C-alpha atoms as a PDB file:
ATOM      1  CA  MET A   1     216.125  77.731 497.883  1.00  0.00           C
ATOM      2  CA  TRP A   2     219.176  75.492 498.131  1.00  0.00           C
ATOM      3  CA  SER A   3     221.914  76.088 495.587  1.00  0.00           C
ATOM      4  CA  ALA A   4     222.405  73.502 492.849  1.00  0.00           C
ATOM      5  CA  ASP A   5     225.682  72.453 494.483  1.00  0.00           C
ATOM      6  CA  LYS A   6     224.076  71.982 497.888  1.00  0.00           C
ATOM      7  CA  ILE A   7     221.119  69.902 496.644  1.00  0.00           C
ATOM      8  CA  ASN A   8     223.321  67.785 494.379  1.00  0.00           C
ATOM      9  CA  ASP A   9     225.686  67.087 497.283  1.00  0.00           C
ATOM     10  CA  TRP A  10     222.686  66.131 499.427  1.00  0.00           C
ATOM     11  CA  TYR A  11     221.353  63.816 496.722  1.00  0.00           C
ATOM     12  CA  GLU A  12     224.714  62.114 496.233  1.00  0.00           C
ATOM     13  CA  SER A  13     224.689  61.252 499.939  1.00  0.00           C
ATOM     14  CA  GLN A  14     221.423  59.297 499.579  1.00  0.00           C
ATOM     15  CA  GLN A  15     220.919  55.757 498.426  1.00  0.00           C
ATOM     16  CA  TRP A  16     219.067  55.381 495.131  1.00  0.00           C
ATOM     17  CA  LEU A  17     215.607  56.367 496.349  1.00  0.00           C
ATOM     18  CA  VAL A  18     212.907  53.846 495.588  1.00  0.00           C
ATOM     19  CA  GLY A  19     209.545  53.380 497.261  1.00  0.00           C
ATOM     20  CA  CYS A  20     205.816  53.853 496.936  1.00  0.00           C
ATOM     21  CA  ASN A  21     203.005  56.248 497.743  1.00  0.00           C
ATOM     22  CA  TYR A  22     201.799  54.742 500.983  1.00  0.00           C
ATOM     23  CA  LEU A  23     198.286  54.528 502.431  1.00  0.00           C
ATOM     24  CA  PRO A  24     197.381  51.606 504.711  1.00  0.00           C
ATOM     25  CA  SER A  25     194.808  49.226 503.263  1.00  0.00           C
ATOM     26  CA  THR A  26     192.402  50.037 506.115  1.00  0.00           C
ATOM     27  CA  ALA A  27     192.221  53.762 505.280  1.00  0.00           C
ATOM     28  CA  ILE A  28     190.264  55.322 502.432  1.00  0.00           C
ATOM     29  CA  ASN A  29     192.137  58.633 502.635  1.00  0.00           C
ATOM     30  CA  GLN A  30     194.653  60.764 504.524  1.00  0.00           C
ATOM     31  CA  LEU A  31     192.147  61.681 507.245  1.00  0.00           C
ATOM     32  CA  GLU A  32     191.251  58.094 508.037  1.00  0.00           C
ATOM     33  CA  MET A  33     194.939  57.203 508.071  1.00  0.00           C
ATOM     34  CA  PHE A  34     195.823  59.729 510.794  1.00  0.00           C
ATOM     35  CA  GLN A  35     192.702  60.451 512.872  1.00  0.00           C
ATOM     36  CA  GLU A  36     193.011  58.946 516.330  1.00  0.00           C
ATOM     37  CA  GLU A  37     189.834  56.871 516.152  1.00  0.00           C
ATOM     38  CA  SER A  38     190.844  55.190 512.874  1.00  0.00           C
ATOM     39  CA  PHE A  39     194.652  55.174 513.116  1.00  0.00           C
ATOM     40  CA  ASP A  40     195.645  51.524 512.621  1.00  0.00           C
ATOM     41  CA  PHE A  41     199.084  50.961 514.114  1.00  0.00           C
ATOM     42  CA  GLU A  42     199.193  47.215 513.527  1.00  0.00           C
ATOM     43  CA  THR A  43     198.258  47.477 509.848  1.00  0.00           C
ATOM     44  CA  ASN A  44     200.823  50.236 509.362  1.00  0.00           C
ATOM     45  CA  LYS A  45     203.493  48.166 511.090  1.00  0.00           C
ATOM     46  CA  ARG A  46     202.732  45.125 508.952  1.00  0.00           C
ATOM     47  CA  GLU A  47     202.468  46.924 505.612  1.00  0.00           C
ATOM     48  CA  ILE A  48     205.417  49.294 506.129  1.00  0.00           C
ATOM     49  CA  GLY A  49     207.381  46.155 506.978  1.00  0.00           C
ATOM     50  CA  TRP A  50     206.385  44.650 503.628  1.00  0.00           C
ATOM     51  CA  ALA A  51     207.731  47.758 501.882  1.00  0.00           C
ATOM     52  CA  SER A  52     211.082  47.262 503.596  1.00  0.00           C
ATOM     53  CA  ASP A  53     211.063  43.538 502.795  1.00  0.00           C
ATOM     54  CA  ILE A  54     211.009  44.137 499.026  1.00  0.00           C
ATOM     55  CA  GLY A  55     213.845  46.660 499.141  1.00  0.00           C
ATOM     56  CA  PHE A  56     212.069  49.999 499.330  1.00  0.00           C
ATOM     57  CA  ASN A  57     213.965  52.648 501.310  1.00  0.00           C
ATOM     58  CA  SER A  58     211.403  55.454 501.226  1.00  0.00           C
ATOM     59  CA  LEU A  59     207.659  56.166 501.230  1.00  0.00           C
ATOM     60  CA  ARG A  60     205.582  59.135 500.095  1.00  0.00           C
ATOM     61  CA  ILE A  61     202.874  59.910 502.645  1.00  0.00           C
ATOM     62  CA  TYR A  62     200.083  62.493 502.390  1.00  0.00           C
ATOM     63  CA  LEU A  63     199.039  64.633 505.352  1.00  0.00           C
ATOM     64  CA  HIS A  64     195.911  66.856 505.481  1.00  0.00           C
ATOM     65  CA  ASP A  65     195.417  70.421 506.699  1.00  0.00           C
ATOM     66  CA  LEU A  66     192.286  69.548 508.730  1.00  0.00           C
ATOM     67  CA  LEU A  67     194.319  67.206 510.923  1.00  0.00           C
ATOM     68  CA  TRP A  68     196.093  70.247 512.400  1.00  0.00           C
ATOM     69  CA  GLN A  69     192.874  71.236 514.190  1.00  0.00           C
ATOM     70  CA  ASP A  70     193.859  68.630 516.793  1.00  0.00           C
ATOM     71  CA  LYS A  71     197.594  68.939 516.392  1.00  0.00           C
ATOM     72  CA  LYS A  72     198.449  67.041 519.578  1.00  0.00           C
ATOM     73  CA  SER A  73     196.562  63.955 518.430  1.00  0.00           C
ATOM     74  CA  PHE A  74     197.778  64.236 514.849  1.00  0.00           C
ATOM     75  CA  LYS A  75     201.414  64.651 515.858  1.00  0.00           C
ATOM     76  CA  ASN A  76     201.072  61.565 518.040  1.00  0.00           C
ATOM     77  CA  GLN A  77     199.912  59.461 515.082  1.00  0.00           C
ATOM     78  CA  LEU A  78     202.458  61.015 512.731  1.00  0.00           C
ATOM     79  CA  ASN A  79     205.303  60.382 515.177  1.00  0.00           C
ATOM     80  CA  LYS A  80     204.241  56.746 515.505  1.00  0.00           C
ATOM     81  CA  THR A  81     204.311  56.456 511.711  1.00  0.00           C
ATOM     82  CA  LEU A  82     207.724  58.127 511.503  1.00  0.00           C
ATOM     83  CA  THR A  83     209.028  55.742 514.172  1.00  0.00           C
ATOM     84  CA  LEU A  84     207.818  52.762 512.143  1.00  0.00           C
ATOM     85  CA  CYS A  85     209.552  54.191 509.075  1.00  0.00           C
ATOM     86  CA  LYS A  86     212.760  54.653 511.058  1.00  0.00           C
ATOM     87  CA  ASN A  87     212.569  51.115 512.463  1.00  0.00           C
ATOM     88  CA  PHE A  88     212.300  49.745 508.925  1.00  0.00           C
ATOM     89  CA  ASN A  89     214.977  52.090 507.496  1.00  0.00           C
ATOM     90  CA  LEU A  90     212.517  54.024 505.352  1.00  0.00           C
ATOM     91  CA  LYS A  91     212.784  57.815 504.929  1.00  0.00           C
ATOM     92  CA  PRO A  92     209.416  59.325 503.980  1.00  0.00           C
ATOM     93  CA  ILE A  93     208.476  62.254 501.785  1.00  0.00           C
ATOM     94  CA  LEU A  94     205.609  64.130 503.455  1.00  0.00           C
ATOM     95  CA  VAL A  95     202.999  65.833 501.255  1.00  0.00           C
ATOM     96  CA  LEU A  96     201.121  68.824 502.702  1.00  0.00           C
ATOM     97  CA  LEU A  97     198.430  69.923 500.189  1.00  0.00           C
ATOM     98  CA  ASP A  98     196.677  68.220 497.267  1.00  0.00           C
ATOM     99  CA  ASP A  99     194.241  69.300 494.532  1.00  0.00           C
ATOM    100  CA  CYS A 100     193.270  65.777 493.449  1.00  0.00           C
ATOM    101  CA  HIS A 101     190.012  63.814 493.693  1.00  0.00           C
ATOM    102  CA  ARG A 102     187.115  64.501 496.079  1.00  0.00           C
ATOM    103  CA  PRO A 103     186.206  68.003 497.340  1.00  0.00           C
ATOM    104  CA  PHE A 104     184.662  69.010 500.671  1.00  0.00           C
ATOM    105  CA  PRO A 105     186.899  67.217 503.192  1.00  0.00           C
ATOM    106  CA  LYS A 106     185.546  66.833 506.723  1.00  0.00           C
ATOM    107  CA  LEU A 107     186.944  65.456 509.937  1.00  0.00           C
ATOM    108  CA  GLY A 108     185.271  62.488 511.604  1.00  0.00           C
ATOM    109  CA  LYS A 109     184.008  59.264 510.103  1.00  0.00           C
ATOM    110  CA  GLN A 110     185.051  59.012 506.472  1.00  0.00           C
ATOM    111  CA  PRO A 111     182.904  57.806 503.546  1.00  0.00           C
ATOM    112  CA  LEU A 112     182.613  54.146 502.679  1.00  0.00           C
ATOM    113  CA  PRO A 113     184.351  53.021 499.489  1.00  0.00           C
ATOM    114  CA  VAL A 114     182.194  52.930 496.367  1.00  0.00           C
ATOM    115  CA  LYS A 115     182.425  49.432 494.911  1.00  0.00           C
ATOM    116  CA  GLY A 116     185.109  49.102 492.283  1.00  0.00           C
ATOM    117  CA  VAL A 117     185.841  52.842 491.983  1.00  0.00           C
ATOM    118  CA  HIS A 118     189.425  54.116 491.981  1.00  0.00           C
ATOM    119  CA  ASN A 119     190.176  56.354 494.998  1.00  0.00           C
ATOM    120  CA  SER A 120     186.477  56.979 495.677  1.00  0.00           C
ATOM    121  CA  GLY A 121     187.087  58.603 499.063  1.00  0.00           C
ATOM    122  CA  TRP A 122     190.387  60.473 498.665  1.00  0.00           C
ATOM    123  CA  LYS A 123     190.022  64.079 499.827  1.00  0.00           C
ATOM    124  CA  GLN A 124     191.561  67.269 498.464  1.00  0.00           C
ATOM    125  CA  SER A 125     193.515  69.426 500.894  1.00  0.00           C
ATOM    126  CA  PRO A 126     192.316  72.058 501.560  1.00  0.00           C
ATOM    127  CA  GLY A 127     189.694  71.490 498.837  1.00  0.00           C
ATOM    128  CA  HIS A 128     188.856  73.424 495.682  1.00  0.00           C
ATOM    129  CA  LYS A 129     186.252  75.587 497.422  1.00  0.00           C
ATOM    130  CA  ILE A 130     188.843  76.991 499.808  1.00  0.00           C
ATOM    131  CA  VAL A 131     191.514  77.275 497.102  1.00  0.00           C
ATOM    132  CA  LYS A 132     189.113  79.448 495.086  1.00  0.00           C
ATOM    133  CA  GLU A 133     188.190  81.516 498.146  1.00  0.00           C
ATOM    134  CA  ILE A 134     191.858  82.247 498.855  1.00  0.00           C
ATOM    135  CA  ALA A 135     192.320  83.312 495.219  1.00  0.00           C
ATOM    136  CA  GLU A 136     189.418  85.717 495.800  1.00  0.00           C
ATOM    137  CA  GLY A 137     190.902  87.115 499.032  1.00  0.00           C
ATOM    138  CA  ASN A 138     189.638  84.949 501.919  1.00  0.00           C
ATOM    139  CA  THR A 139     192.164  85.957 504.567  1.00  0.00           C
ATOM    140  CA  ASP A 140     190.726  83.708 507.311  1.00  0.00           C
ATOM    141  CA  GLU A 141     191.352  80.506 505.353  1.00  0.00           C
ATOM    142  CA  GLU A 142     194.710  81.841 504.193  1.00  0.00           C
ATOM    143  CA  ALA A 143     195.747  82.471 507.813  1.00  0.00           C
ATOM    144  CA  ARG A 144     194.605  78.991 508.883  1.00  0.00           C
ATOM    145  CA  LEU A 145     196.598  77.282 506.145  1.00  0.00           C
ATOM    146  CA  LYS A 146     199.658  79.413 506.860  1.00  0.00           C
ATOM    147  CA  ILE A 147     199.576  78.202 510.467  1.00  0.00           C
ATOM    148  CA  PHE A 148     199.302  74.571 509.312  1.00  0.00           C
ATOM    149  CA  ILE A 149     202.137  74.826 506.793  1.00  0.00           C
ATOM    150  CA  GLN A 150     204.520  76.755 509.001  1.00  0.00           C
ATOM    151  CA  GLU A 151     203.871  74.922 512.255  1.00  0.00           C
ATOM    152  CA  VAL A 152     204.195  71.438 510.795  1.00  0.00           C
ATOM    153  CA  LEU A 153     207.400  72.414 508.969  1.00  0.00           C
ATOM    154  CA  ASP A 154     208.787  74.029 512.108  1.00  0.00           C
ATOM    155  CA  ASP A 155     207.808  71.212 514.468  1.00  0.00           C
ATOM    156  CA  PHE A 156     209.516  68.610 512.265  1.00  0.00           C
ATOM    157  CA  ARG A 157     212.215  70.865 510.785  1.00  0.00           C
ATOM    158  CA  ASP A 158     215.122  68.794 512.105  1.00  0.00           C
ATOM    159  CA  ASP A 159     213.604  65.315 512.050  1.00  0.00           C
ATOM    160  CA  GLU A 160     216.224  63.230 510.247  1.00  0.00           C
ATOM    161  CA  THR A 161     213.692  60.495 509.471  1.00  0.00           C
ATOM    162  CA  ILE A 162     211.931  62.831 507.001  1.00  0.00           C
ATOM    163  CA  LEU A 163     213.600  62.820 503.581  1.00  0.00           C
ATOM    164  CA  LEU A 164     211.956  65.956 502.172  1.00  0.00           C
ATOM    165  CA  TRP A 165     208.735  67.968 502.042  1.00  0.00           C
ATOM    166  CA  ASP A 166     206.386  67.922 499.036  1.00  0.00           C
ATOM    167  CA  LEU A 167     204.441  71.125 499.572  1.00  0.00           C
ATOM    168  CA  TYR A 168     201.561  70.825 497.111  1.00  0.00           C
ATOM    169  CA  ASN A 169     200.587  67.810 495.020  1.00  0.00           C
ATOM    170  CA  GLU A 170     199.421  68.521 491.463  1.00  0.00           C
ATOM    171  CA  PRO A 171     198.194  72.110 491.939  1.00  0.00           C
ATOM    172  CA  GLY A 172     195.529  72.953 489.384  1.00  0.00           C
ATOM    173  CA  GLN A 173     194.274  69.410 488.846  1.00  0.00           C
ATOM    174  CA  PHE A 174     190.649  68.230 488.697  1.00  0.00           C
ATOM    175  CA  GLY A 175     189.362  71.359 487.041  1.00  0.00           C
ATOM    176  CA  ILE A 176     190.613  74.136 489.300  1.00  0.00           C
ATOM    177  CA  GLY A 177     193.186  75.426 486.826  1.00  0.00           C
ATOM    178  CA  ASP A 178     195.187  78.584 487.508  1.00  0.00           C
ATOM    179  CA  GLN A 179     193.212  79.523 490.635  1.00  0.00           C
ATOM    180  CA  SER A 180     195.510  77.302 492.679  1.00  0.00           C
ATOM    181  CA  ASN A 181     198.549  79.391 491.732  1.00  0.00           C
ATOM    182  CA  VAL A 182     197.648  82.071 494.293  1.00  0.00           C
ATOM    183  CA  LEU A 183     197.790  79.530 497.122  1.00  0.00           C
ATOM    184  CA  LEU A 184     200.808  77.778 495.589  1.00  0.00           C
ATOM    185  CA  ASN A 185     202.882  80.970 495.639  1.00  0.00           C
ATOM    186  CA  LYS A 186     201.859  81.669 499.225  1.00  0.00           C
ATOM    187  CA  VAL A 187     202.778  78.123 500.300  1.00  0.00           C
ATOM    188  CA  TRP A 188     206.266  78.549 498.856  1.00  0.00           C
ATOM    189  CA  ASP A 189     206.664  81.885 500.672  1.00  0.00           C
ATOM    190  CA  TRP A 190     205.509  80.341 503.966  1.00  0.00           C
ATOM    191  CA  ALA A 191     207.853  77.382 503.573  1.00  0.00           C
ATOM    192  CA  TYR A 192     210.847  79.601 502.775  1.00  0.00           C
ATOM    193  CA  GLU A 193     210.131  81.668 505.908  1.00  0.00           C
ATOM    194  CA  VAL A 194     210.491  78.505 508.020  1.00  0.00           C
ATOM    195  CA  ARG A 195     213.181  76.884 505.837  1.00  0.00           C
ATOM    196  CA  PRO A 196     213.361  73.411 507.462  1.00  0.00           C
ATOM    197  CA  SER A 197     216.568  71.410 507.290  1.00  0.00           C
ATOM    198  CA  GLN A 198     215.055  69.019 504.726  1.00  0.00           C
ATOM    199  CA  PRO A 199     214.753  69.864 501.008  1.00  0.00           C
ATOM    200  CA  LEU A 200     211.516  71.258 499.563  1.00  0.00           C
ATOM    201  CA  THR A 201     209.727  70.295 496.352  1.00  0.00           C
ATOM    202  CA  ALA A 202     206.392  70.440 494.534  1.00  0.00           C
ATOM    203  CA  CYS A 203     205.771  68.358 491.453  1.00  0.00           C
ATOM    204  CA  LEU A 204     206.102  69.449 487.859  1.00  0.00           C
ATOM    205  CA  ASP A 205     202.920  67.696 486.798  1.00  0.00           C
ATOM    206  CA  GLY A 206     200.891  68.902 483.836  1.00  0.00           C
ATOM    207  CA  THR A 207     201.859  70.545 480.573  1.00  0.00           C
ATOM    208  CA  ILE A 208     205.342  72.045 480.684  1.00  0.00           C
ATOM    209  CA  GLY A 209     204.734  75.753 480.358  1.00  0.00           C
ATOM    210  CA  ASP A 210     201.711  75.878 482.683  1.00  0.00           C
ATOM    211  CA  LYS A 211     202.175  78.577 485.315  1.00  0.00           C
ATOM    212  CA  ASN A 212     202.113  76.133 488.240  1.00  0.00           C
ATOM    213  CA  ILE A 213     204.799  74.064 486.535  1.00  0.00           C
ATOM    214  CA  GLN A 214     206.999  77.133 486.163  1.00  0.00           C
ATOM    215  CA  ILE A 215     206.465  78.162 489.790  1.00  0.00           C
ATOM    216  CA  ASN A 216     207.538  74.748 491.064  1.00  0.00           C
ATOM    217  CA  ARG A 217     210.406  74.504 488.592  1.00  0.00           C
ATOM    218  CA  GLU A 218     211.835  77.825 489.785  1.00  0.00           C
ATOM    219  CA  LYS A 219     211.406  77.203 493.527  1.00  0.00           C
ATOM    220  CA  SER A 220     212.013  73.476 494.173  1.00  0.00           C
ATOM    221  CA  ASP A 221     215.273  72.346 495.765  1.00  0.00           C
ATOM    222  CA  VAL A 222     214.878  68.956 494.092  1.00  0.00           C
ATOM    223  CA  ILE A 223     212.832  68.481 490.919  1.00  0.00           C
ATOM    224  CA  SER A 224     209.889  66.106 491.287  1.00  0.00           C
ATOM    225  CA  PHE A 225     207.509  64.969 488.565  1.00  0.00           C
ATOM    226  CA  HIS A 226     204.830  62.405 487.716  1.00  0.00           C
ATOM    227  CA  VAL A 227     204.609  60.143 484.688  1.00  0.00           C
ATOM    228  CA  TYR A 228     202.158  57.329 483.995  1.00  0.00           C
ATOM    229  CA  GLU A 229     202.446  56.820 480.210  1.00  0.00           C
ATOM    230  CA  HIS A 230     205.468  54.805 479.033  1.00  0.00           C
ATOM    231  CA  GLN A 231     206.076  56.938 475.927  1.00  0.00           C
ATOM    232  CA  LYS A 232     206.522  60.069 478.067  1.00  0.00           C
ATOM    233  CA  VAL A 233     209.168  58.740 480.456  1.00  0.00           C
ATOM    234  CA  LEU A 234     212.321  59.498 478.488  1.00  0.00           C
ATOM    235  CA  PRO A 235     211.141  62.825 476.965  1.00  0.00           C
ATOM    236  CA  ILE A 236     210.321  64.144 480.459  1.00  0.00           C
ATOM    237  CA  ILE A 237     213.674  62.995 481.834  1.00  0.00           C
ATOM    238  CA  ASN A 238     215.574  64.581 478.943  1.00  0.00           C
ATOM    239  CA  GLU A 239     213.770  67.895 479.394  1.00  0.00           C
ATOM    240  CA  LEU A 240     214.061  68.107 483.168  1.00  0.00           C
ATOM    241  CA  LYS A 241     217.706  67.025 483.427  1.00  0.00           C
ATOM    242  CA  GLU A 242     218.654  70.369 481.830  1.00  0.00           C
ATOM    243  CA  ILE A 243     217.647  72.114 485.083  1.00  0.00           C
ATOM    244  CA  GLY A 244     220.746  70.621 486.711  1.00  0.00           C
ATOM    245  CA  ARG A 245     219.101  69.453 489.929  1.00  0.00           C
ATOM    246  CA  PRO A 246     218.346  65.958 491.265  1.00  0.00           C
ATOM    247  CA  MET A 247     215.121  64.410 489.972  1.00  0.00           C
ATOM    248  CA  ILE A 248     212.569  62.267 491.758  1.00  0.00           C
ATOM    249  CA  CYS A 249     209.507  60.743 490.116  1.00  0.00           C
ATOM    250  CA  THR A 250     207.013  60.854 492.961  1.00  0.00           C
ATOM    251  CA  GLU A 251     204.234  59.086 491.025  1.00  0.00           C
ATOM    252  CA  TYR A 252     204.393  56.438 488.297  1.00  0.00           C
ATOM    253  CA  MET A 253     203.282  52.849 487.539  1.00  0.00           C
ATOM    254  CA  ALA A 254     200.047  52.270 485.693  1.00  0.00           C
ATOM    255  CA  ARG A 255     200.199  48.808 484.170  1.00  0.00           C
ATOM    256  CA  GLU A 256     197.485  49.706 481.662  1.00  0.00           C
ATOM    257  CA  PHE A 257     199.690  52.515 480.295  1.00  0.00           C
ATOM    258  CA  GLY A 258     202.924  50.521 480.206  1.00  0.00           C
ATOM    259  CA  THR A 259     204.787  52.129 483.114  1.00  0.00           C
ATOM    260  CA  THR A 260     205.351  48.785 484.792  1.00  0.00           C
ATOM    261  CA  PHE A 261     208.160  48.195 487.263  1.00  0.00           C
ATOM    262  CA  GLU A 262     210.034  46.146 484.665  1.00  0.00           C
ATOM    263  CA  PHE A 263     209.861  48.966 482.108  1.00  0.00           C
ATOM    264  CA  THR A 264     210.308  52.033 484.306  1.00  0.00           C
ATOM    265  CA  LEU A 265     212.632  51.175 487.188  1.00  0.00           C
ATOM    266  CA  PRO A 266     215.668  50.335 484.992  1.00  0.00           C
ATOM    267  CA  ILE A 267     215.321  53.728 483.281  1.00  0.00           C
ATOM    268  CA  PHE A 268     215.091  55.584 486.576  1.00  0.00           C
ATOM    269  CA  LYS A 269     218.028  53.674 487.989  1.00  0.00           C
ATOM    270  CA  GLU A 270     220.182  54.344 484.917  1.00  0.00           C
ATOM    271  CA  HIS A 271     219.502  58.084 485.215  1.00  0.00           C
ATOM    272  CA  ASN A 272     219.741  58.086 489.051  1.00  0.00           C
ATOM    273  CA  ILE A 273     216.145  59.264 489.456  1.00  0.00           C
ATOM    274  CA  GLY A 274     214.197  58.466 492.617  1.00  0.00           C
ATOM    275  CA  ALA A 275     211.097  56.373 491.962  1.00  0.00           C
ATOM    276  CA  TYR A 276     207.819  56.175 493.926  1.00  0.00           C
ATOM    277  CA  ASN A 277     205.018  54.126 492.395  1.00  0.00           C
ATOM    278  CA  TRP A 278     201.400  54.875 493.251  1.00  0.00           C
ATOM    279  CA  GLY A 279     199.788  52.342 495.552  1.00  0.00           C
ATOM    280  CA  PHE A 280     200.995  49.498 497.690  1.00  0.00           C
ATOM    281  CA  VAL A 281     198.378  47.232 499.310  1.00  0.00           C
ATOM    282  CA  ALA A 282     195.004  47.001 497.556  1.00  0.00           C
ATOM    283  CA  GLY A 283     192.491  48.148 500.156  1.00  0.00           C
ATOM    284  CA  LYS A 284     189.821  50.758 500.777  1.00  0.00           C
ATOM    285  CA  SER A 285     191.280  53.214 498.256  1.00  0.00           C
ATOM    286  CA  GLN A 286     190.808  50.591 495.491  1.00  0.00           C
ATOM    287  CA  THR A 287     193.530  52.020 493.290  1.00  0.00           C
ATOM    288  CA  HIS A 288     193.995  48.594 491.715  1.00  0.00           C
ATOM    289  CA  PHE A 289     190.908  49.600 489.698  1.00  0.00           C
ATOM    290  CA  SER A 290     191.551  51.880 486.725  1.00  0.00           C
ATOM    291  CA  TRP A 291     191.057  55.639 486.416  1.00  0.00           C
ATOM    292  CA  GLU A 292     188.103  54.950 484.092  1.00  0.00           C
ATOM    293  CA  THR A 293     186.042  53.735 487.046  1.00  0.00           C
ATOM    294  CA  ILE A 294     186.021  57.285 488.460  1.00  0.00           C
ATOM    295  CA  LEU A 295     183.506  58.189 485.746  1.00  0.00           C
ATOM    296  CA  LYS A 296     181.008  55.721 487.263  1.00  0.00           C
ATOM    297  CA  ILE A 297     181.068  57.111 490.789  1.00  0.00           C
ATOM    298  CA  LYS A 298     177.894  59.225 490.689  1.00  0.00           C
ATOM    299  CA  GLU A 299     175.848  56.439 489.142  1.00  0.00           C
ATOM    300  CA  LEU A 300     177.075  53.902 491.693  1.00  0.00           C
ATOM    301  CA  LYS A 301     176.613  56.305 494.620  1.00  0.00           C
ATOM    302  CA  ASP A 302     173.011  56.948 493.530  1.00  0.00           C
ATOM    303  CA  LYS A 303     172.439  53.190 493.624  1.00  0.00           C
ATOM    304  CA  GLY A 304     173.989  52.908 497.076  1.00  0.00           C
ATOM    305  CA  GLU A 305     176.811  50.721 495.816  1.00  0.00           C
ATOM    306  CA  PHE A 306     179.049  50.968 498.859  1.00  0.00           C
ATOM    307  CA  ILE A 307     181.254  48.235 500.327  1.00  0.00           C
ATOM    308  CA  ASN A 308     179.838  46.573 503.423  1.00  0.00           C
ATOM    309  CA  GLU A 309     182.090  45.558 506.318  1.00  0.00           C
ATOM    310  CA  GLY A 310     183.968  42.382 505.401  1.00  0.00           C
ATOM    311  CA  GLU A 311     182.612  42.283 501.842  1.00  0.00           C
ATOM    312  CA  THR A 312     184.998  41.040 499.138  1.00  0.00           C
ATOM    313  CA  ILE A 313     184.925  42.771 495.747  1.00  0.00           C
ATOM    314  CA  PRO A 314     186.153  40.784 492.714  1.00  0.00           C
ATOM    315  CA  GLU A 315     189.578  41.975 491.567  1.00  0.00           C
ATOM    316  CA  PRO A 316     190.042  43.605 488.176  1.00  0.00           C
ATOM    317  CA  SER A 317     191.729  41.214 485.738  1.00  0.00           C
ATOM    318  CA  VAL A 318     194.685  43.601 485.399  1.00  0.00           C
ATOM    319  CA  TRP A 319     195.547  45.769 488.383  1.00  0.00           C
ATOM    320  CA  PHE A 320     196.039  49.450 487.607  1.00  0.00           C
ATOM    321  CA  HIS A 321     198.165  50.279 490.695  1.00  0.00           C
ATOM    322  CA  ASP A 322     199.095  48.420 493.914  1.00  0.00           C
ATOM    323  CA  ILE A 323     201.377  45.451 494.559  1.00  0.00           C
ATOM    324  CA  PHE A 324     200.012  43.326 497.418  1.00  0.00           C
ATOM    325  CA  ARG A 325     196.686  42.004 498.644  1.00  0.00           C
ATOM    326  CA  LYS A 326     195.683  42.599 502.247  1.00  0.00           C
ATOM    327  CA  ASP A 327     196.783  39.075 503.182  1.00  0.00           C
ATOM    328  CA  GLY A 328     200.308  39.827 501.960  1.00  0.00           C
ATOM    329  CA  SER A 329     200.112  37.798 498.762  1.00  0.00           C
ATOM    330  CA  ALA A 330     201.484  39.440 495.629  1.00  0.00           C
ATOM    331  CA  TYR A 331     199.428  40.494 492.636  1.00  0.00           C
ATOM    332  CA  ASP A 332     202.358  39.223 490.548  1.00  0.00           C
ATOM    333  CA  GLN A 333     205.177  37.366 492.295  1.00  0.00           C
ATOM    334  CA  ALA A 334     207.489  37.808 489.305  1.00  0.00           C
ATOM    335  CA  GLU A 335     207.030  41.569 489.714  1.00  0.00           C
ATOM    336  CA  ILE A 336     208.005  41.364 493.388  1.00  0.00           C
ATOM    337  CA  ASP A 337     211.051  39.283 492.501  1.00  0.00           C
ATOM    338  CA  PHE A 338     212.085  41.938 489.977  1.00  0.00           C
ATOM    339  CA  ILE A 339     211.702  44.771 492.503  1.00  0.00           C
ATOM    340  CA  LYS A 340     213.806  42.869 495.059  1.00  0.00           C
ATOM    341  CA  LYS A 341     216.492  42.216 492.483  1.00  0.00           C
ATOM    342  CA  ILE A 342     216.801  45.768 491.189  1.00  0.00           C
ATOM    343  CA  THR A 343     216.738  47.350 494.668  1.00  0.00           C
ATOM    344  CA  ALA A 344     219.381  44.923 495.929  1.00  0.00           C
ATOM    345  CA  SER A 345     221.787  45.288 493.029  1.00  0.00           C
END
């Protein structure tokens, strides 16, 4: 773990970090983003360029443990993505594991989006089944994940394009609870053994006092957190600033809950907190639809309500996440103008 002095010196050398969680509009999840047969260089080039155009200087990008089964191919796609980020002066945060959304990830062709359902095809990494097996002593899966974590950190340990590593997104979410803490502790041990040149973090998401929150609080070089409800923004900041380390909000911005750019970004800027909204271009992940739509997924799947190639789904009246349409037009041009103004000032 970096000392408080070292991480604060590092943070002072950065610009005010502002960006988004990035997934190209043509990918439904992390696997589709990076697998060779579905990697979409031109869409990535266009959409990463849009992020730079509005003043973003960083992106948060999710990887997936299954991609390491063909590491040569995956590293090729990842290096192309890192080169695009470098060309547009964007320094990405790379996320390694994730407990959120759909279980049972598989390589190959990914599921079609379910019409109007938020993140209907996003895949957990490694998936709750494996997380539980590791908690129960599955050494084969543990060894496989150790190789993934340590080799990817080692292979990119000195890549100056990478801002930092986010080791495990929201451990314990979507019903798995404390079982993820076994893997979480191991991931921190594996990462410390490699100790790349970039800082390490894992988010303090959940109820302060939960075991996974305490693990990440005690081990992170830089403190990262998520907040989607406007009334929680300042209380979280006031509590976490007492740790004495730099803070980055790696997920925020749900218009329905009041964490709009206009409300949240001035607060983060005043307190020198990095800010990464969820979503960028409304596409196959459909995160411009609200969280409530997740409850409909089984019913719609049973009816076969999948999106056909080229089909257009009516937009929700108020977008939950996301900023642009696939044609580059803004959901709200005044919002874009505000982002450009605050990132330029």
